[in-house]
Amino acid sequence: LIDDPRIVGVTITGSERAGAAVAERAGRNLKKVVAELGGSDPLIVLEDAPLLSTVESAIFGRMFNTGQSCVSSKRIIVVGRVRGQAFQDAFVSGLAGLKVGEPTAEDTGLGPMSSERALNLLLDQISAAEKGGAKVVVGGERIDRPGFYLQATVLTDITSGNPVYAQELFGPVASLFVVDTEEEAIALANASPFGLGGSVFTGDTARGRAVADRIESGMVFVNQPAWTTPELPFGGVKRSGYGRELSELGFGEFVNRKLVTVVPAGSPPWGPVQSG
């Protein structure tokens, strides 16, 4: 399809590998590409953020669609050691309270993975994280019931040398970090090959906007986990891809703009024409 001359543009939503393959083929055919790929969105909790409502938002941001979303809040970064422990306790308690069930049931809080392959990949990543020195605070195991269910999981003590530090965890697994300062939180948020979405939680929205400006991602939400609607442009930077979908910016990706300029007969062959 990409090679066919009737196709004038290409868009893909998928993995880095799929995006690279499609973009390479499109490039050989000199065709426009929009690539919406993986993500490992940070959710920064500043020391002035209200704890309970922020925990609720973090649980939603991580567990929506059982964590199987490119813009899930995958890396939770809390500023302040004491605050970090309080956040962890509330976050773990909230995850433990999620009801496991069928995805069509209204009261289900934790549904299945999309496939056994996806489940096994996450189990392998959790195992590799542990071998690399990370701690499984809660979860980490397959649930003994029909279907591809994984316990809601929280990983801590993830160092830069850990295999999962730069990976995307596509499912109900949260990486939880605690740092001392806002500067450390921003640096950690940006220490990722991905740059799709991100969140900053704070009681001071002006401060949140200032921090958001420093996050290397295509989208940042202040006091909300990342979400999408037709009115907002959607897309990332770095290995999360390029181009935008949705909104006016998204429409612009799928057109080739054309210039037509008209001047009176007898005008000079070059440059602007003076009226008069």
Protein backbone atom coordinates (compact mmCIF):
# COMPACT_ATOMS: atom_id res chain seq x y z
CA LEU A 1 0.00 0.00 0.00
CA ILE A 2 2.77 2.46 0.87
CA ASP A 3 4.45 1.84 -2.48
CA ASP A 4 1.24 2.42 -4.44
CA PRO A 5 1.37 5.87 -6.13
CA ARG A 6 -2.30 6.47 -5.28
CA ILE A 7 -1.38 6.58 -1.58
CA VAL A 8 -0.09 10.06 -0.76
CA GLY A 9 0.39 9.89 3.02
CA VAL A 10 0.79 7.37 5.81
CA THR A 11 -0.16 7.34 9.48
CA ILE A 12 0.58 4.62 12.01
CA THR A 13 -0.25 3.98 15.64
CA GLY A 14 1.90 1.22 17.09
CA SER A 15 5.25 0.21 18.47
CA GLU A 16 8.64 1.80 17.81
CA ARG A 17 9.57 -1.13 15.58
CA ALA A 18 6.40 -0.84 13.52
CA GLY A 19 6.74 2.93 13.28
CA ALA A 20 10.35 2.72 12.12
CA ALA A 21 9.49 0.14 9.47
CA VAL A 22 6.55 2.11 8.10
CA ALA A 23 8.42 5.44 8.18
CA GLU A 24 11.38 3.88 6.36
CA ARG A 25 9.14 2.56 3.61
CA ALA A 26 7.29 5.84 3.32
CA GLY A 27 10.58 7.74 3.20
CA ARG A 28 11.75 5.69 0.25
CA ASN A 29 8.54 6.75 -1.49
CA LEU A 30 8.83 10.41 -0.38
CA LYS A 31 5.50 10.32 1.41
CA LYS A 32 4.38 12.20 4.51
CA VAL A 33 4.17 10.21 7.76
CA VAL A 34 2.48 10.71 11.12
CA ALA A 35 3.80 8.26 13.72
CA GLU A 36 2.09 7.76 17.08
CA LEU A 37 4.29 5.26 18.91
CA GLY A 38 5.10 4.18 22.47
CA GLY A 39 5.15 6.20 25.64
CA SER A 40 6.37 6.12 29.22
CA ASP A 41 4.60 9.18 30.57
CA PRO A 42 5.84 10.76 33.79
CA LEU A 43 3.40 11.98 36.43
CA ILE A 44 5.17 14.47 38.69
CA VAL A 45 3.73 15.09 42.15
CA LEU A 46 5.12 18.34 43.56
CA GLU A 47 5.24 18.81 47.32
CA ASP A 48 2.27 21.21 47.31
CA ALA A 49 -0.11 18.90 45.45
CA PRO A 50 -3.18 17.72 47.45
CA LEU A 51 -2.34 14.12 48.32
CA LEU A 52 -5.61 12.21 48.15
CA SER A 53 -7.00 13.70 44.94
CA THR A 54 -3.59 13.32 43.29
CA VAL A 55 -3.43 9.65 44.29
CA GLU A 56 -6.88 9.12 42.79
CA SER A 57 -5.77 10.75 39.54
CA ALA A 58 -2.57 8.69 39.47
CA ILE A 59 -4.52 5.46 39.91
CA PHE A 60 -6.84 6.44 37.06
CA GLY A 61 -3.93 7.57 34.91
CA ARG A 62 -2.07 4.32 35.40
CA MET A 63 -4.98 1.86 35.40
CA PHE A 64 -7.29 3.20 32.69
CA ASN A 65 -7.85 0.34 30.24
CA THR A 66 -5.77 -1.84 32.60
CA GLY A 67 -2.78 0.37 31.86
CA GLN A 68 -2.85 -0.54 28.18
CA SER A 69 -2.67 2.96 26.76
CA CYS A 70 0.20 4.82 25.15
CA VAL A 71 -0.56 7.87 27.32
CA SER A 72 -0.95 6.02 30.61
CA SER A 73 0.86 7.57 33.58
CA LYS A 74 3.57 4.93 33.72
CA ARG A 75 6.24 6.65 35.86
CA ILE A 76 5.07 8.30 39.09
CA ILE A 77 7.63 10.81 40.43
CA VAL A 78 6.98 12.22 43.90
CA VAL A 79 8.96 15.15 45.35
CA GLY A 80 9.83 14.76 49.05
CA ARG A 81 10.84 11.64 51.00
CA VAL A 82 8.13 11.82 53.65
CA ARG A 83 5.55 12.74 51.03
CA GLY A 84 6.80 9.93 48.86
CA GLN A 85 6.10 7.31 51.50
CA ALA A 86 2.64 8.73 52.20
CA PHE A 87 1.87 8.74 48.49
CA GLN A 88 3.13 5.18 48.09
CA ASP A 89 1.00 3.91 50.97
CA ALA A 90 -2.15 5.53 49.57
CA PHE A 91 -1.37 4.52 45.99
CA VAL A 92 -0.76 0.87 46.90
CA SER A 93 -3.91 0.81 49.02
CA GLY A 94 -5.95 2.21 46.16
CA LEU A 95 -4.61 -0.34 43.69
CA ALA A 96 -5.29 -3.18 46.12
CA GLY A 97 -8.91 -2.07 46.31
CA LEU A 98 -9.54 -2.42 42.58
CA LYS A 99 -11.99 -5.20 41.76
CA VAL A 100 -10.75 -7.78 39.29
CA GLY A 101 -13.40 -8.76 36.79
CA GLU A 102 -14.71 -9.00 33.27
CA PRO A 103 -13.93 -5.89 31.20
CA THR A 104 -17.62 -5.40 30.35
CA ALA A 105 -18.71 -5.28 34.02
CA GLU A 106 -19.35 -1.75 35.29
CA ASP A 107 -17.65 -2.35 38.65
CA THR A 108 -14.46 -3.86 37.20
CA GLY A 109 -11.35 -1.90 38.15
CA LEU A 110 -8.77 -4.34 36.83
CA GLY A 111 -9.44 -6.15 33.56
CA PRO A 112 -7.32 -8.56 31.52
CA MET A 113 -4.34 -7.97 29.30
CA SER A 114 -5.02 -7.95 25.58
CA SER A 115 -3.24 -11.27 25.00
CA GLU A 116 -1.14 -13.95 26.68
CA ARG A 117 1.88 -12.62 24.83
CA ALA A 118 1.34 -9.15 26.32
CA LEU A 119 0.94 -10.67 29.78
CA ASN A 120 4.12 -12.74 29.49
CA LEU A 121 6.09 -9.74 28.26
CA LEU A 122 5.12 -7.79 31.38
CA LEU A 123 5.95 -10.74 33.64
CA ASP A 124 9.37 -10.95 31.98
CA GLN A 125 9.90 -7.20 32.49
CA ILE A 126 8.94 -7.45 36.17
CA SER A 127 11.39 -10.33 36.62
CA ALA A 128 14.16 -8.41 34.87
CA ALA A 129 13.41 -5.37 37.02
CA GLU A 130 13.77 -7.44 40.20
CA LYS A 131 17.03 -8.97 39.00
CA GLY A 132 18.24 -5.43 38.33
CA GLY A 133 17.59 -4.42 41.94
CA ALA A 134 14.03 -3.10 41.82
CA LYS A 135 11.52 -3.93 44.54
CA VAL A 136 8.01 -5.22 43.90
CA VAL A 137 5.95 -3.40 46.53
CA VAL A 138 2.67 -5.00 45.52
CA GLY A 139 1.51 -7.42 42.83
CA GLY A 140 3.88 -8.82 40.25
CA GLU A 141 2.08 -12.12 39.62
CA ARG A 142 -0.44 -13.56 37.22
CA ILE A 143 -3.93 -13.83 38.70
CA ASP A 144 -5.26 -17.37 38.94
CA ARG A 145 -8.45 -17.05 36.95
CA PRO A 146 -9.48 -17.57 33.31
CA GLY A 147 -8.04 -14.89 31.04
CA PHE A 148 -4.79 -12.97 30.88
CA TYR A 149 -4.91 -11.13 34.20
CA LEU A 150 -1.98 -9.52 36.00
CA GLN A 151 -2.03 -8.15 39.54
CA ALA A 152 -1.81 -4.38 39.84
CA THR A 153 1.91 -3.90 40.42
CA VAL A 154 4.16 -1.17 41.83
CA LEU A 155 7.93 -1.18 41.30
CA THR A 156 10.32 0.95 43.35
CA ASP A 157 14.10 1.34 43.67
CA ILE A 158 14.56 1.45 39.90
CA THR A 159 18.03 2.76 39.08
CA SER A 160 19.27 4.07 35.74
CA GLY A 161 21.02 0.73 35.14
CA ASN A 162 17.83 -1.29 35.54
CA PRO A 163 16.51 -2.83 32.30
CA VAL A 164 13.03 -1.30 32.76
CA TYR A 165 14.35 2.22 33.42
CA ALA A 166 14.07 3.12 29.73
CA GLN A 167 11.34 0.65 28.74
CA GLU A 168 7.61 1.06 28.34
CA LEU A 169 5.54 -1.07 30.75
CA PHE A 170 2.31 -1.57 28.83
CA GLY A 171 -0.12 -2.79 31.46
CA PRO A 172 -1.02 -2.47 35.16
CA VAL A 173 2.55 -1.88 36.36
CA ALA A 174 3.61 1.48 37.82
CA SER A 175 7.17 2.62 38.37
CA LEU A 176 7.30 4.79 41.50
CA PHE A 177 10.19 7.19 42.13
CA VAL A 178 10.80 9.53 45.06
CA VAL A 179 13.16 12.50 44.66
CA ASP A 180 14.17 15.43 46.82
CA THR A 181 13.65 18.41 44.52
CA GLU A 182 11.64 19.74 41.61
CA GLU A 183 14.82 19.84 39.51
CA GLU A 184 15.43 16.13 40.12
CA ALA A 185 11.83 15.37 39.18
CA ILE A 186 12.16 17.21 35.87
CA ALA A 187 15.48 15.54 35.09
CA LEU A 188 14.02 12.10 35.83
CA ALA A 189 10.91 12.81 33.78
CA ASN A 190 13.12 13.67 30.79
CA ALA A 191 15.46 10.69 31.28
CA SER A 192 13.44 8.57 28.88
CA PRO A 193 13.68 7.76 25.18
CA PHE A 194 9.95 8.48 24.99
CA GLY A 195 8.14 11.82 24.99
CA LEU A 196 4.42 11.37 24.40
CA GLY A 197 2.47 12.81 27.35
CA GLY A 198 3.08 13.83 30.93
CA SER A 199 1.44 15.31 34.01
CA VAL A 200 2.35 17.76 36.76
CA PHE A 201 0.31 17.94 39.97
CA THR A 202 0.59 21.02 42.16
CA GLY A 203 -1.47 23.45 44.20
CA ASP A 204 0.03 26.33 42.19
CA THR A 205 -1.07 26.17 38.56
CA ALA A 206 1.45 28.83 37.48
CA ARG A 207 4.22 26.68 38.91
CA GLY A 208 2.74 23.66 37.19
CA ARG A 209 2.78 25.48 33.86
CA ALA A 210 6.43 26.44 34.36
CA VAL A 211 7.37 22.82 35.08
CA ALA A 212 5.28 21.60 32.14
CA ASP A 213 7.27 23.85 29.80
CA ARG A 214 10.42 21.93 30.78
CA ILE A 215 9.04 18.44 30.20
CA GLU A 216 10.27 16.88 26.94
CA SER A 217 6.99 15.59 25.57
CA GLY A 218 4.35 16.45 23.02
CA MET A 219 1.65 16.94 25.66
CA VAL A 220 1.62 17.90 29.33
CA PHE A 221 -1.44 18.11 31.58
CA VAL A 222 -1.37 20.13 34.80
CA ASN A 223 -3.40 18.50 37.60
CA GLN A 224 -4.82 15.78 35.36
CA PRO A 225 -3.45 12.56 33.88
CA ALA A 226 -3.08 12.67 30.12
CA TRP A 227 -6.31 12.27 28.14
CA THR A 228 -7.54 12.88 24.64
CA THR A 229 -10.44 14.56 22.86
CA PRO A 230 -11.02 15.56 19.22
CA GLU A 231 -10.47 19.23 20.10
CA LEU A 232 -6.90 18.72 21.39
CA PRO A 233 -3.85 17.83 19.27
CA PHE A 234 -2.32 14.47 20.11
CA GLY A 235 1.27 13.41 19.50
CA GLY A 236 4.77 13.11 20.88
CA VAL A 237 8.47 13.70 20.42
CA LYS A 238 11.61 11.56 20.66
CA ARG A 239 10.86 7.84 20.20
CA SER A 240 7.17 8.45 20.74
CA GLY A 241 7.01 9.55 17.12
CA TYR A 242 6.21 12.78 15.31
CA GLY A 243 3.33 14.64 13.78
CA ARG A 244 -0.06 15.33 15.36
CA GLU A 245 -3.49 13.80 15.19
CA LEU A 246 -6.84 15.43 16.07
CA SER A 247 -7.76 19.13 16.20
CA GLU A 248 -6.78 21.68 13.55
CA LEU A 249 -3.14 20.63 13.81
CA GLY A 250 -4.16 17.06 13.02
CA PHE A 251 -6.09 18.12 9.94
CA GLY A 252 -2.99 19.98 8.79
CA GLU A 253 -0.92 16.80 8.81
CA PHE A 254 -3.18 15.26 6.17
CA VAL A 255 -3.20 18.05 3.60
CA ASN A 256 -0.60 19.60 1.33
CA ARG A 257 -1.01 23.35 1.52
CA LYS A 258 -0.98 25.19 -1.78
CA LEU A 259 -0.03 28.80 -2.47
CA VAL A 260 -1.81 30.78 -5.18
CA THR A 261 -0.79 34.44 -5.65
CA VAL A 262 -2.58 36.78 -8.08
CA VAL A 263 -1.39 40.21 -9.28
CA PRO A 264 -2.75 42.60 -11.92
CA ALA A 265 -1.76 42.25 -15.58
CA GLY A 266 1.43 44.11 -16.42
CA SER A 267 2.95 43.69 -12.96
CA PRO A 268 6.74 43.34 -12.54
CA PRO A 269 8.02 39.75 -12.81
CA TRP A 270 9.47 39.69 -9.31
CA GLY A 271 8.63 40.93 -5.83
CA PRO A 272 5.65 42.63 -4.23
CA VAL A 273 3.32 44.77 -6.28
CA GLN A 274 2.59 48.28 -5.03
CA SER A 275 -1.08 49.18 -4.88
CA GLY A 276 -2.17 52.53 -6.23
